[in-house]
N, C-alpha and C. Protein backbone atom coordinates (compact mmCIF):
# COMPACT_ATOMS: atom_id res chain seq x y z
N UNK A 1 56.60 -41.78 -79.55
CA UNK A 1 57.66 -41.85 -78.74
C UNK A 1 57.49 -43.07 -77.76
N UNK A 2 56.30 -43.18 -77.24
CA UNK A 2 55.99 -44.33 -76.31
C UNK A 2 56.13 -45.65 -76.96
N UNK A 3 55.81 -45.75 -78.26
CA UNK A 3 55.85 -46.99 -79.08
C UNK A 3 57.39 -47.24 -79.26
N UNK A 4 58.18 -46.22 -79.59
CA UNK A 4 59.66 -46.52 -79.84
C UNK A 4 60.28 -47.05 -78.47
N UNK A 5 59.90 -46.49 -77.39
CA UNK A 5 60.49 -46.95 -76.00
C UNK A 5 60.10 -48.39 -75.78
N UNK A 6 58.81 -48.81 -76.00
CA UNK A 6 58.38 -50.17 -75.88
C UNK A 6 59.23 -51.03 -76.75
N UNK A 7 59.32 -50.69 -78.08
CA UNK A 7 60.08 -51.41 -79.03
C UNK A 7 61.48 -51.64 -78.53
N UNK A 8 62.17 -50.66 -78.15
CA UNK A 8 63.59 -50.69 -77.62
C UNK A 8 63.56 -51.62 -76.40
N UNK A 9 62.58 -51.52 -75.55
CA UNK A 9 62.58 -52.34 -74.35
C UNK A 9 62.45 -53.83 -74.70
N UNK A 10 61.59 -54.11 -75.72
CA UNK A 10 61.35 -55.51 -76.14
C UNK A 10 62.69 -56.11 -76.81
N UNK A 11 63.41 -55.18 -77.60
CA UNK A 11 64.74 -55.67 -78.17
C UNK A 11 65.64 -55.99 -77.07
N UNK A 12 65.73 -55.10 -76.04
CA UNK A 12 66.67 -55.34 -74.98
C UNK A 12 66.35 -56.70 -74.33
N UNK A 13 65.07 -56.79 -73.94
CA UNK A 13 64.71 -58.15 -73.30
C UNK A 13 64.96 -59.32 -74.11
N UNK A 14 64.68 -59.27 -75.44
CA UNK A 14 64.95 -60.43 -76.25
C UNK A 14 66.45 -60.65 -76.34
N UNK A 15 67.26 -59.57 -76.42
CA UNK A 15 68.86 -59.81 -76.38
C UNK A 15 69.24 -60.37 -75.01
N UNK A 16 68.60 -59.86 -73.90
CA UNK A 16 69.08 -60.35 -72.66
C UNK A 16 68.59 -61.87 -72.51
N UNK A 17 67.51 -62.23 -73.06
CA UNK A 17 66.94 -63.63 -73.03
C UNK A 17 67.92 -64.52 -73.79
N UNK A 18 68.24 -64.03 -75.02
CA UNK A 18 69.17 -64.78 -75.76
C UNK A 18 70.54 -65.06 -75.17
N UNK A 19 71.00 -63.91 -74.58
CA UNK A 19 72.33 -64.04 -73.76
C UNK A 19 72.17 -64.98 -72.57
N UNK A 20 71.01 -64.98 -71.91
CA UNK A 20 70.82 -65.90 -70.73
C UNK A 20 70.73 -67.32 -71.27
N UNK A 21 70.09 -67.59 -72.33
CA UNK A 21 69.92 -68.91 -72.97
C UNK A 21 71.26 -69.42 -73.42
N UNK A 22 72.02 -68.65 -74.07
CA UNK A 22 73.38 -69.06 -74.58
C UNK A 22 74.32 -69.22 -73.29
N UNK A 23 74.27 -68.51 -72.28
CA UNK A 23 75.04 -68.70 -71.01
C UNK A 23 74.65 -70.00 -70.37
N UNK A 24 73.41 -70.32 -70.39
CA UNK A 24 72.90 -71.54 -69.77
C UNK A 24 73.43 -72.77 -70.53
N UNK A 25 73.27 -72.66 -71.97
CA UNK A 25 73.81 -73.68 -72.79
C UNK A 25 75.33 -73.97 -72.58
N UNK A 26 76.06 -72.94 -72.66
CA UNK A 26 77.48 -73.10 -72.50
C UNK A 26 77.93 -73.49 -71.11
N UNK A 27 77.05 -73.30 -70.15
CA UNK A 27 77.31 -73.73 -68.75
C UNK A 27 76.97 -75.23 -68.55
N UNK A 28 76.30 -75.80 -69.56
CA UNK A 28 75.72 -77.16 -69.41
C UNK A 28 76.80 -78.15 -69.90
N UNK A 29 76.54 -79.43 -69.81
CA UNK A 29 77.59 -80.50 -70.10
C UNK A 29 77.84 -80.29 -71.60
N UNK A 30 76.79 -80.14 -72.50
CA UNK A 30 77.07 -79.98 -73.89
C UNK A 30 77.88 -78.70 -74.15
N UNK A 31 77.66 -77.68 -73.37
CA UNK A 31 78.45 -76.41 -73.66
C UNK A 31 79.93 -76.75 -73.26
N UNK A 32 80.10 -77.57 -72.14
CA UNK A 32 81.50 -77.90 -71.72
C UNK A 32 82.20 -78.72 -72.87
N UNK A 33 81.52 -79.68 -73.49
CA UNK A 33 81.99 -80.40 -74.58
C UNK A 33 82.35 -79.50 -75.71
N UNK A 34 81.44 -78.48 -76.00
CA UNK A 34 81.65 -77.69 -77.18
C UNK A 34 82.89 -76.73 -76.90
N UNK A 35 83.04 -76.22 -75.68
CA UNK A 35 84.15 -75.37 -75.33
C UNK A 35 85.39 -76.24 -75.39
N UNK A 36 85.38 -77.53 -75.06
CA UNK A 36 86.61 -78.29 -74.98
C UNK A 36 86.99 -78.66 -76.52
N UNK A 37 85.94 -78.99 -77.21
CA UNK A 37 86.25 -79.30 -78.70
C UNK A 37 86.83 -77.96 -79.36
N UNK A 38 86.34 -76.89 -79.08
CA UNK A 38 86.78 -75.59 -79.74
C UNK A 38 88.25 -75.35 -79.23
N UNK A 39 88.46 -75.66 -77.99
CA UNK A 39 89.88 -75.27 -77.45
C UNK A 39 90.93 -76.19 -78.19
N UNK A 40 90.47 -77.58 -78.26
CA UNK A 40 91.33 -78.45 -78.93
C UNK A 40 91.66 -78.06 -80.37
N UNK A 41 90.63 -77.65 -81.00
CA UNK A 41 90.72 -77.23 -82.46
C UNK A 41 91.55 -75.96 -82.58
N UNK A 42 91.44 -75.02 -81.70
CA UNK A 42 92.20 -73.74 -81.73
C UNK A 42 93.69 -74.19 -81.42
N UNK A 43 93.97 -75.07 -80.56
CA UNK A 43 95.25 -75.54 -80.16
C UNK A 43 95.94 -76.19 -81.41
N UNK A 44 95.17 -76.99 -82.03
CA UNK A 44 95.75 -77.62 -83.31
C UNK A 44 96.02 -76.56 -84.37
N UNK A 45 95.19 -75.63 -84.52
CA UNK A 45 95.52 -74.58 -85.50
C UNK A 45 96.84 -73.83 -85.15
N UNK A 46 96.86 -73.43 -83.79
CA UNK A 46 98.15 -72.69 -83.42
C UNK A 46 99.38 -73.63 -83.59
N UNK A 47 99.23 -74.80 -83.38
CA UNK A 47 100.37 -75.74 -83.45
C UNK A 47 100.73 -75.85 -85.04
N UNK A 48 99.80 -75.92 -85.81
CA UNK A 48 100.12 -75.88 -87.37
C UNK A 48 100.79 -74.59 -87.66
N UNK A 49 100.12 -73.48 -87.30
CA UNK A 49 100.76 -72.14 -87.71
C UNK A 49 102.18 -72.05 -87.10
N UNK A 50 102.34 -72.53 -85.93
CA UNK A 50 103.70 -72.33 -85.34
C UNK A 50 104.76 -73.32 -86.14
N UNK A 51 104.40 -74.49 -86.58
CA UNK A 51 105.18 -75.33 -87.27
C UNK A 51 105.61 -74.61 -88.61
N UNK A 52 104.64 -74.13 -89.24
CA UNK A 52 104.77 -73.46 -90.60
C UNK A 52 105.78 -72.23 -90.45
N UNK A 53 105.46 -71.40 -89.46
CA UNK A 53 106.36 -70.31 -89.25
C UNK A 53 107.82 -70.70 -88.87
N UNK A 54 107.97 -71.92 -88.05
CA UNK A 54 109.27 -72.39 -87.84
C UNK A 54 109.93 -72.87 -89.01
N UNK A 55 109.24 -73.57 -89.98
CA UNK A 55 109.83 -73.88 -91.21
C UNK A 55 110.23 -72.68 -91.98
N UNK A 56 109.50 -71.65 -92.11
CA UNK A 56 109.94 -70.50 -92.80
C UNK A 56 111.15 -69.79 -92.22
N UNK A 57 111.14 -69.73 -90.94
CA UNK A 57 112.35 -69.08 -90.27
C UNK A 57 113.58 -69.90 -90.49
N UNK A 58 113.44 -71.32 -90.55
CA UNK A 58 114.58 -72.14 -90.80
C UNK A 58 115.10 -71.88 -92.25
N UNK A 59 114.16 -71.88 -93.22
CA UNK A 59 114.59 -71.43 -94.60
C UNK A 59 115.23 -70.15 -94.66
N UNK A 60 114.76 -69.18 -93.92
CA UNK A 60 115.34 -67.78 -93.96
C UNK A 60 116.73 -67.85 -93.32
N UNK A 61 116.88 -68.59 -92.28
CA UNK A 61 118.24 -68.65 -91.65
C UNK A 61 119.21 -69.46 -92.53
N UNK A 62 118.86 -70.45 -93.24
CA UNK A 62 119.60 -71.17 -94.20
C UNK A 62 120.14 -70.33 -95.25
N UNK A 63 119.25 -69.52 -95.83
CA UNK A 63 119.64 -68.57 -96.87
C UNK A 63 120.62 -67.42 -96.24
N UNK A 64 120.37 -67.02 -95.13
CA UNK A 64 121.18 -65.96 -94.57
C UNK A 64 122.54 -66.49 -94.25
N UNK A 65 122.58 -67.82 -93.82
CA UNK A 65 123.86 -68.48 -93.60
C UNK A 65 124.74 -68.55 -94.72
N UNK A 66 124.07 -69.02 -95.90
CA UNK A 66 124.71 -68.95 -97.15
C UNK A 66 125.33 -67.71 -97.64
N UNK A 67 124.63 -66.64 -97.37
CA UNK A 67 125.11 -65.33 -97.77
C UNK A 67 126.22 -64.83 -96.92
N UNK A 68 126.19 -65.17 -95.55
CA UNK A 68 127.38 -64.88 -94.71
C UNK A 68 128.62 -65.66 -95.11
N UNK A 69 128.36 -67.00 -95.26
CA UNK A 69 129.54 -67.78 -95.79
C UNK A 69 130.18 -67.31 -96.94
N UNK A 70 129.42 -66.90 -97.99
CA UNK A 70 129.84 -66.35 -99.24
C UNK A 70 130.68 -64.95 -99.00
N UNK A 71 130.02 -64.20 -98.09
CA UNK A 71 130.62 -62.92 -97.73
C UNK A 71 132.02 -63.21 -97.06
N UNK A 72 132.05 -64.16 -96.13
CA UNK A 72 133.32 -64.39 -95.34
C UNK A 72 134.36 -65.03 -96.40
N UNK A 73 133.91 -65.76 -97.37
CA UNK A 73 134.88 -66.32 -98.38
C UNK A 73 135.42 -65.30 -99.30
N UNK A 74 134.58 -64.25 -99.47
CA UNK A 74 135.12 -63.08 -100.35
C UNK A 74 136.11 -62.31 -99.48
N UNK A 75 135.91 -62.23 -98.26
CA UNK A 75 136.85 -61.41 -97.39
C UNK A 75 138.21 -62.27 -97.28
N UNK A 76 138.12 -63.44 -97.04
CA UNK A 76 139.26 -64.32 -96.77
C UNK A 76 140.13 -64.48 -98.02
N UNK A 77 139.46 -64.77 -99.10
CA UNK A 77 140.25 -65.02 -100.34
C UNK A 77 139.72 -64.26 -101.51
N UNK A 78 139.97 -62.93 -101.51
CA UNK A 78 139.43 -62.13 -102.64
C UNK A 78 140.32 -62.39 -103.82
N UNK A 79 139.79 -62.37 -104.93
CA UNK A 79 140.47 -62.46 -106.19
C UNK A 79 140.70 -61.01 -106.81
N UNK A 80 141.83 -60.54 -106.67
CA UNK A 80 142.21 -59.05 -107.07
C UNK A 80 142.03 -58.76 -108.60
N UNK A 81 142.11 -59.69 -109.48
CA UNK A 81 141.87 -59.38 -110.74
C UNK A 81 140.51 -59.21 -111.17
N UNK A 82 139.57 -59.96 -110.58
CA UNK A 82 138.13 -59.78 -110.97
C UNK A 82 137.42 -59.19 -109.71
N UNK A 83 138.03 -58.35 -108.93
CA UNK A 83 137.51 -57.89 -107.83
C UNK A 83 136.21 -57.09 -107.97
N UNK A 84 136.16 -56.27 -108.98
CA UNK A 84 134.99 -55.49 -109.23
C UNK A 84 133.86 -56.40 -109.75
N UNK A 85 134.17 -57.40 -110.56
CA UNK A 85 133.10 -58.26 -110.99
C UNK A 85 132.61 -59.14 -109.87
N UNK A 86 133.49 -59.52 -108.94
CA UNK A 86 132.98 -60.39 -107.85
C UNK A 86 132.20 -59.49 -106.97
N UNK A 87 132.55 -58.28 -106.64
CA UNK A 87 131.75 -57.48 -105.78
C UNK A 87 130.33 -57.29 -106.21
N UNK A 88 130.36 -57.17 -107.64
CA UNK A 88 129.04 -57.00 -108.26
C UNK A 88 128.25 -58.33 -108.24
N UNK A 89 128.96 -59.41 -108.45
CA UNK A 89 128.34 -60.75 -108.44
C UNK A 89 127.87 -61.05 -107.03
N UNK A 90 128.62 -60.72 -106.07
CA UNK A 90 128.27 -60.89 -104.64
C UNK A 90 127.11 -60.17 -104.25
N UNK A 91 127.01 -58.88 -104.62
CA UNK A 91 125.86 -58.10 -104.35
C UNK A 91 124.61 -58.69 -104.99
N UNK A 92 124.74 -59.14 -106.21
CA UNK A 92 123.66 -59.74 -106.86
C UNK A 92 123.22 -60.96 -106.24
N UNK A 93 124.23 -61.88 -105.83
CA UNK A 93 123.86 -63.06 -105.11
C UNK A 93 123.10 -62.87 -103.85
N UNK A 94 123.59 -61.80 -103.14
CA UNK A 94 123.10 -61.46 -101.79
C UNK A 94 121.67 -61.02 -101.98
N UNK A 95 121.39 -60.10 -102.97
CA UNK A 95 120.14 -59.62 -103.31
C UNK A 95 119.12 -60.75 -103.62
N UNK A 96 119.62 -61.70 -104.50
CA UNK A 96 118.82 -62.79 -104.97
C UNK A 96 118.48 -63.65 -103.75
N UNK A 97 119.50 -63.90 -102.83
CA UNK A 97 119.13 -64.84 -101.76
C UNK A 97 118.16 -64.13 -100.81
N UNK A 98 118.27 -62.86 -100.57
CA UNK A 98 117.22 -62.10 -99.80
C UNK A 98 115.87 -62.22 -100.45
N UNK A 99 115.88 -62.00 -101.71
CA UNK A 99 114.49 -61.98 -102.38
C UNK A 99 114.00 -63.27 -102.31
N UNK A 100 114.66 -64.40 -102.44
CA UNK A 100 114.26 -65.70 -102.37
C UNK A 100 113.77 -66.09 -100.97
N UNK A 101 114.49 -65.68 -100.02
CA UNK A 101 114.04 -65.85 -98.64
C UNK A 101 112.75 -65.17 -98.36
N UNK A 102 112.66 -63.96 -98.72
CA UNK A 102 111.44 -63.30 -98.48
C UNK A 102 110.16 -63.92 -99.31
N UNK A 103 110.44 -64.32 -100.57
CA UNK A 103 109.40 -65.03 -101.36
C UNK A 103 108.97 -66.26 -100.52
N UNK A 104 109.93 -67.02 -100.09
CA UNK A 104 109.61 -68.32 -99.49
C UNK A 104 108.87 -68.10 -98.22
N UNK A 105 109.32 -67.05 -97.39
CA UNK A 105 108.71 -66.64 -96.21
C UNK A 105 107.19 -66.31 -96.40
N UNK A 106 107.04 -65.44 -97.43
CA UNK A 106 105.65 -64.97 -97.63
C UNK A 106 104.82 -66.04 -98.19
N UNK A 107 105.21 -66.93 -98.96
CA UNK A 107 104.52 -68.07 -99.49
C UNK A 107 104.07 -68.94 -98.39
N UNK A 108 104.97 -69.19 -97.51
CA UNK A 108 104.82 -70.11 -96.31
C UNK A 108 103.77 -69.45 -95.35
N UNK A 109 103.78 -68.23 -95.15
CA UNK A 109 102.82 -67.59 -94.38
C UNK A 109 101.50 -67.53 -94.97
N UNK A 110 101.35 -67.36 -96.26
CA UNK A 110 100.15 -67.39 -96.99
C UNK A 110 99.45 -68.77 -96.91
N UNK A 111 100.32 -69.82 -97.09
CA UNK A 111 99.82 -71.15 -97.02
C UNK A 111 99.33 -71.45 -95.53
N UNK A 112 99.96 -70.99 -94.53
CA UNK A 112 99.56 -71.17 -93.18
C UNK A 112 98.31 -70.39 -93.03
N UNK A 113 98.15 -69.23 -93.58
CA UNK A 113 96.89 -68.36 -93.36
C UNK A 113 95.74 -69.07 -94.07
N UNK A 114 95.97 -69.63 -95.21
CA UNK A 114 94.96 -70.39 -95.91
C UNK A 114 94.45 -71.54 -95.14
N UNK A 115 95.40 -72.37 -94.65
CA UNK A 115 95.10 -73.58 -93.89
C UNK A 115 94.23 -73.15 -92.60
N UNK A 116 94.82 -72.12 -92.06
CA UNK A 116 93.98 -71.69 -90.82
C UNK A 116 92.56 -71.24 -91.19
N UNK A 117 92.49 -70.48 -92.19
CA UNK A 117 91.02 -70.12 -92.64
C UNK A 117 90.14 -71.33 -93.00
N UNK A 118 90.71 -72.30 -93.65
CA UNK A 118 90.00 -73.53 -93.89
C UNK A 118 89.51 -74.26 -92.72
N UNK A 119 90.43 -74.31 -91.73
CA UNK A 119 90.07 -74.97 -90.50
C UNK A 119 89.09 -74.10 -89.67
N UNK A 120 89.22 -72.76 -89.78
CA UNK A 120 88.13 -72.06 -89.15
C UNK A 120 86.71 -72.20 -89.74
N UNK A 121 86.79 -72.26 -91.15
CA UNK A 121 85.52 -72.52 -92.00
C UNK A 121 84.90 -73.94 -91.61
N UNK A 122 85.81 -74.87 -91.44
CA UNK A 122 85.33 -76.26 -91.15
C UNK A 122 84.72 -76.28 -89.78
N UNK A 123 85.21 -75.41 -88.81
CA UNK A 123 84.62 -75.37 -87.50
C UNK A 123 83.49 -74.44 -87.35
N UNK A 124 83.07 -73.83 -88.51
CA UNK A 124 81.95 -72.85 -88.57
C UNK A 124 82.31 -71.56 -87.87
N UNK A 125 83.55 -71.08 -87.89
CA UNK A 125 83.98 -69.96 -87.23
C UNK A 125 84.24 -68.97 -88.35
N UNK A 126 83.76 -67.62 -88.15
CA UNK A 126 84.27 -66.58 -89.11
C UNK A 126 85.08 -65.69 -88.37
N UNK A 127 86.42 -65.72 -88.60
CA UNK A 127 87.34 -64.92 -87.86
C UNK A 127 87.23 -63.42 -88.33
N UNK A 128 87.45 -62.46 -87.47
CA UNK A 128 87.48 -61.06 -87.85
C UNK A 128 88.45 -60.80 -88.84
N UNK A 129 88.26 -59.81 -89.71
CA UNK A 129 89.27 -59.39 -90.71
C UNK A 129 90.40 -58.65 -90.22
């Protein structure tokens, strides 16, 4: 039991010393430069992710605008002879546009995630899952 207490005490002291050394390094000029470089890198990653998300939202809005325009056109000038076929066609077109928008959005987010992971890896950072 005494041996275990000494062992734990040594581990605690080693951890405290490592934390102290890391704190001193990060508080030095080199540490300031490292923090600044890391902050710039993270800002760049966030900007890239924001741009990708903005592009995906723009694509989604474009597809939704087309759906609304088609819907309004159907309401304004319906063709009574082929009304059942057009309703079916409109529903299919609408579903297809939503599916395409969803696929495009998911692909863009996956691309953004992969680019972010590559940048983290290049910076030597392992993000939490």
